[in-house]
Amino acid sequence: MKTIFELIVDEMLRQGDSIENVIATTHSVEDLKGTDELELPQSFTIWTTKRVYFPSTCESQYNVESVPRNPCEEQCGVMY
């Protein structure tokens, strides 16, 4: 099982982002690195120059997702 920090880094890599681009976070990067397998803090928000990262759960499965900081720059696939 991965740690919260590993899930964050995985999502950043999928998005072409990196931990070096972090501008602000609700928990320090050091706190998130020190968190064992899905231990607290499970609630966080991380802002990078490109994206906003946050935790999500579905059917007790913990994951990290992200959205663009400027939604107009990324096609979302939602049709109106």
C-alpha atoms as a PDB file:
ATOM      1  CA  MET A   1       0.000   0.000   0.000  1.00  0.00           C
ATOM      2  CA  LYS A   2       1.318   3.426  -0.946  1.00  0.00           C
ATOM      3  CA  THR A   3       1.744   6.396   1.343  1.00  0.00           C
ATOM      4  CA  ILE A   4      -0.150   9.651   0.832  1.00  0.00           C
ATOM      5  CA  PHE A   5       3.036  11.288  -0.416  1.00  0.00           C
ATOM      6  CA  GLU A   6       3.589   8.515  -2.986  1.00  0.00           C
ATOM      7  CA  LEU A   7       0.008   8.956  -4.247  1.00  0.00           C
ATOM      8  CA  ILE A   8       0.589  12.712  -4.542  1.00  0.00           C
ATOM      9  CA  VAL A   9       3.812  12.221  -6.502  1.00  0.00           C
ATOM     10  CA  ASP A  10       2.119   9.627  -8.768  1.00  0.00           C
ATOM     11  CA  GLU A  11      -0.653  12.093  -9.642  1.00  0.00           C
ATOM     12  CA  MET A  12       1.894  14.864 -10.204  1.00  0.00           C
ATOM     13  CA  LEU A  13       3.850  12.649 -12.599  1.00  0.00           C
ATOM     14  CA  ARG A  14       0.633  11.762 -14.489  1.00  0.00           C
ATOM     15  CA  GLN A  15      -0.026  15.488 -14.890  1.00  0.00           C
ATOM     16  CA  GLY A  16       3.522  16.474 -15.870  1.00  0.00           C
ATOM     17  CA  ASP A  17       3.934  18.357 -12.594  1.00  0.00           C
ATOM     18  CA  SER A  18       6.428  17.986  -9.743  1.00  0.00           C
ATOM     19  CA  ILE A  19       6.826  18.614  -6.037  1.00  0.00           C
ATOM     20  CA  GLU A  20       9.261  21.430  -6.874  1.00  0.00           C
ATOM     21  CA  ASN A  21       6.310  23.411  -8.304  1.00  0.00           C
ATOM     22  CA  VAL A  22       4.427  23.529  -4.971  1.00  0.00           C
ATOM     23  CA  ILE A  23       3.368  27.087  -4.149  1.00  0.00           C
ATOM     24  CA  ALA A  24       1.223  26.416  -1.070  1.00  0.00           C
ATOM     25  CA  THR A  25      -0.172  23.509   0.916  1.00  0.00           C
ATOM     26  CA  THR A  26      -2.414  22.997   3.928  1.00  0.00           C
ATOM     27  CA  HIS A  27       0.248  20.672   5.393  1.00  0.00           C
ATOM     28  CA  SER A  28       3.981  20.995   4.900  1.00  0.00           C
ATOM     29  CA  VAL A  29       5.568  18.706   2.328  1.00  0.00           C
ATOM     30  CA  GLU A  30       7.699  17.317   5.162  1.00  0.00           C
ATOM     31  CA  ASP A  31       4.549  16.394   7.121  1.00  0.00           C
ATOM     32  CA  LEU A  32       3.109  14.637   4.071  1.00  0.00           C
ATOM     33  CA  LYS A  33       6.389  12.803   3.444  1.00  0.00           C
ATOM     34  CA  GLY A  34       6.437  11.611   7.046  1.00  0.00           C
ATOM     35  CA  THR A  35       2.920  10.217   6.869  1.00  0.00           C
ATOM     36  CA  ASP A  36       2.824   6.427   6.837  1.00  0.00           C
ATOM     37  CA  GLU A  37       0.433   4.343   4.771  1.00  0.00           C
ATOM     38  CA  LEU A  38      -2.726   6.419   4.554  1.00  0.00           C
ATOM     39  CA  GLU A  39      -2.282   7.773   8.044  1.00  0.00           C
ATOM     40  CA  LEU A  40      -3.429  11.265   8.946  1.00  0.00           C
ATOM     41  CA  PRO A  41      -3.356  13.908   7.555  1.00  0.00           C
ATOM     42  CA  GLN A  42      -5.789  12.492   5.017  1.00  0.00           C
ATOM     43  CA  SER A  43      -7.252  15.905   4.295  1.00  0.00           C
ATOM     44  CA  PHE A  44      -4.966  18.258   2.392  1.00  0.00           C
ATOM     45  CA  THR A  45      -4.813  20.655  -0.520  1.00  0.00           C
ATOM     46  CA  ILE A  46      -1.678  21.355  -2.539  1.00  0.00           C
ATOM     47  CA  TRP A  47      -1.370  24.197  -5.035  1.00  0.00           C
ATOM     48  CA  THR A  48       1.332  24.090  -7.698  1.00  0.00           C
ATOM     49  CA  THR A  49       1.992  26.491 -10.541  1.00  0.00           C
ATOM     50  CA  LYS A  50      -0.262  24.347 -12.785  1.00  0.00           C
ATOM     51  CA  ARG A  51      -2.702  22.328 -10.647  1.00  0.00           C
ATOM     52  CA  VAL A  52      -4.534  21.857  -7.345  1.00  0.00           C
ATOM     53  CA  TYR A  53      -4.186  18.428  -5.669  1.00  0.00           C
ATOM     54  CA  PHE A  54      -6.578  16.936  -3.115  1.00  0.00           C
ATOM     55  CA  PRO A  55      -7.564  13.555  -1.650  1.00  0.00           C
ATOM     56  CA  SER A  56     -10.537  11.550  -2.852  1.00  0.00           C
ATOM     57  CA  THR A  57     -12.180   8.342  -1.742  1.00  0.00           C
ATOM     58  CA  CYS A  58     -14.471   5.960  -3.551  1.00  0.00           C
ATOM     59  CA  GLU A  59     -15.711   2.741  -1.970  1.00  0.00           C
ATOM     60  CA  SER A  60     -13.102   3.086   0.797  1.00  0.00           C
ATOM     61  CA  GLN A  61     -10.326   3.388  -1.801  1.00  0.00           C
ATOM     62  CA  TYR A  62      -8.073   6.388  -1.113  1.00  0.00           C
ATOM     63  CA  ASN A  63      -6.619   8.335  -4.037  1.00  0.00           C
ATOM     64  CA  VAL A  64      -5.200  11.729  -4.991  1.00  0.00           C
ATOM     65  CA  GLU A  65      -6.785  13.742  -7.786  1.00  0.00           C
ATOM     66  CA  SER A  66      -6.122  17.145  -9.296  1.00  0.00           C
ATOM     67  CA  VAL A  67      -7.713  19.881 -11.329  1.00  0.00           C
ATOM     68  CA  PRO A  68      -6.072  22.671 -13.332  1.00  0.00           C
ATOM     69  CA  ARG A  69      -5.549  25.952 -11.509  1.00  0.00           C
ATOM     70  CA  ASN A  70      -6.986  27.719 -14.539  1.00  0.00           C
ATOM     71  CA  PRO A  71      -9.790  25.470 -15.844  1.00  0.00           C
ATOM     72  CA  CYS A  72      -9.993  27.422 -19.109  1.00  0.00           C
ATOM     73  CA  GLU A  73      -6.572  26.072 -20.103  1.00  0.00           C
ATOM     74  CA  GLU A  74      -7.656  22.414 -20.112  1.00  0.00           C
ATOM     75  CA  GLN A  75     -10.421  20.724 -22.081  1.00  0.00           C
ATOM     76  CA  CYS A  76     -12.732  19.005 -19.632  1.00  0.00           C
ATOM     77  CA  GLY A  77     -14.889  16.788 -21.841  1.00  0.00           C
ATOM     78  CA  VAL A  78     -18.136  18.026 -20.321  1.00  0.00           C
ATOM     79  CA  MET A  79     -20.704  18.986 -22.941  1.00  0.00           C
ATOM     80  CA  TYR A  80     -23.351  21.615 -22.258  1.00  0.00           C
END
